Amino acid sequence: MRIEQSTVAVGHSTVTGAPASPEYATAVAELRRAVSLLVGDLRKNEGQYEDGAELVEAGERIEAELDRDEPRWNSIQRWLGFIAPGVHATAAVAADVEAIQRGVTTLLAALF
């Protein structure tokens, strides 16, 4: 078996998934921008958080995941779940994390 992007090949048969819609690509691009801003805020305020370095690393992992051809949404949700309680003392950053979480949930609902 061979899997490449959204194509699965077994033996001599091939199954190809539908290409991503423009709306999907736009939503992922918006999430990338939002996460990039979040990581910038986390870096800027790293010293204010008990686990500042770990929060920055989690944000960077989300960025890396969003750069994949097919992001692993459960991984993104897990890292966002790690960040959320760590930034609760900073209202603006906590609101950003919540907005990104809602965006991921909405995107997943549209996919499935």
Protein backbone atom coordinates (compact mmCIF):
# COMPACT_ATOMS: atom_id res chain seq x y z
CA MET A 1 0.00 0.00 0.00
CA ARG A 2 1.19 3.53 -0.79
CA ILE A 3 -0.37 6.78 0.46
CA GLU A 4 0.53 10.09 -1.14
CA GLN A 5 -1.36 13.21 -0.08
CA SER A 6 -4.98 12.13 -0.54
CA THR A 7 -4.26 9.21 -2.88
CA VAL A 8 -4.24 5.59 -1.70
CA ALA A 9 -2.87 2.90 -3.98
CA VAL A 10 -3.16 -0.82 -3.23
CA GLY A 11 -1.77 -3.26 -5.75
CA HIS A 12 -2.98 -2.06 -9.15
CA SER A 13 -5.99 -0.01 -7.98
CA THR A 14 -5.97 3.63 -6.94
CA VAL A 15 -8.46 5.71 -4.96
CA THR A 16 -8.10 9.47 -5.01
CA GLY A 17 -9.81 11.86 -2.60
CA ALA A 18 -11.53 14.98 -3.81
CA PRO A 19 -9.27 18.03 -4.00
CA ALA A 20 -9.72 20.58 -1.23
CA SER A 21 -12.32 23.24 -1.95
CA PRO A 22 -11.28 26.89 -2.19
CA GLU A 23 -13.22 27.55 1.03
CA TYR A 24 -11.20 24.89 2.83
CA ALA A 25 -7.92 26.37 1.59
CA THR A 26 -9.03 29.84 2.66
CA ALA A 27 -10.04 28.60 6.12
CA VAL A 28 -6.69 26.86 6.60
CA ALA A 29 -4.86 30.01 5.46
CA GLU A 30 -6.82 32.07 7.99
CA LEU A 31 -5.97 29.59 10.72
CA ARG A 32 -2.28 29.80 9.73
CA ARG A 33 -2.37 33.60 10.06
CA ALA A 34 -4.16 33.42 13.41
CA VAL A 35 -1.74 30.84 14.80
CA SER A 36 1.23 32.86 13.56
CA LEU A 37 -0.08 35.89 15.48
CA LEU A 38 -0.71 33.69 18.52
CA VAL A 39 2.85 32.34 18.47
CA GLY A 40 4.14 35.92 18.22
CA ASP A 41 2.09 36.88 21.29
CA LEU A 42 3.28 33.79 23.16
CA ARG A 43 6.91 34.64 22.39
CA LYS A 44 6.43 38.26 23.41
CA ASN A 45 4.79 37.30 26.71
CA GLU A 46 6.71 34.07 27.36
CA GLY A 47 8.06 35.33 30.69
CA GLN A 48 4.55 35.99 32.01
CA TYR A 49 3.53 32.35 31.80
CA GLU A 50 4.58 29.59 34.14
CA ASP A 51 5.22 27.27 31.18
CA GLY A 52 6.09 29.97 28.66
CA ALA A 53 8.67 28.00 26.68
CA GLU A 54 6.36 24.98 26.43
CA LEU A 55 3.47 27.19 25.27
CA VAL A 56 5.65 28.68 22.53
CA GLU A 57 6.73 25.19 21.49
CA ALA A 58 3.09 24.04 21.36
CA GLY A 59 2.24 27.01 19.15
CA GLU A 60 5.14 26.18 16.85
CA ARG A 61 3.91 22.59 16.62
CA ILE A 62 0.49 23.88 15.53
CA GLU A 63 2.18 26.04 12.88
CA ALA A 64 4.11 23.03 11.61
CA GLU A 65 0.97 20.93 11.52
CA LEU A 66 -0.91 23.59 9.53
CA ASP A 67 1.97 23.64 7.02
CA ARG A 68 1.40 19.97 6.18
CA ASP A 69 -0.52 19.07 3.01
CA GLU A 70 -3.08 17.32 5.21
CA PRO A 71 -2.98 18.72 8.75
CA ARG A 72 -3.77 16.32 11.56
CA TRP A 73 -6.65 18.17 13.16
CA ASN A 74 -6.69 16.05 16.32
CA SER A 75 -3.07 17.01 16.93
CA ILE A 76 -3.91 20.70 16.45
CA GLN A 77 -6.82 20.43 18.88
CA ARG A 78 -4.62 18.68 21.43
CA TRP A 79 -1.96 21.42 21.30
CA LEU A 80 -4.62 24.14 21.51
CA GLY A 81 -6.03 22.33 24.53
CA PHE A 82 -2.58 22.50 26.11
CA ILE A 83 -2.18 26.22 25.39
CA ALA A 84 -5.64 27.37 26.53
CA PRO A 85 -5.26 26.89 30.30
CA GLY A 86 -1.69 28.22 30.19
CA VAL A 87 -2.72 31.63 28.86
CA HIS A 88 -5.95 32.14 30.81
CA ALA A 89 -4.41 35.04 32.75
CA THR A 90 -3.97 37.07 29.53
CA ALA A 91 -7.47 37.81 28.28
CA ALA A 92 -6.49 38.81 24.73
CA VAL A 93 -4.33 35.73 24.16
CA ALA A 94 -6.93 33.45 25.76
CA ALA A 95 -9.59 34.93 23.43
CA ASP A 96 -7.30 34.28 20.45
CA VAL A 97 -6.84 30.64 21.46
CA GLU A 98 -10.59 30.24 21.87
CA ALA A 99 -11.24 31.78 18.45
CA ILE A 100 -8.72 29.43 16.82
CA GLN A 101 -10.30 26.46 18.59
CA ARG A 102 -13.73 27.51 17.24
CA GLY A 103 -12.24 27.86 13.76
CA VAL A 104 -10.79 24.35 13.87
CA THR A 105 -14.08 22.93 15.16
CA THR A 106 -16.05 24.72 12.43
CA LEU A 107 -13.65 23.52 9.74
CA LEU A 108 -13.87 19.94 10.98
CA ALA A 109 -17.66 20.11 11.02
CA ALA A 110 -17.63 21.26 7.39
CA LEU A 111 -15.29 18.42 6.38
CA PHE A 112 -17.26 15.66 7.99
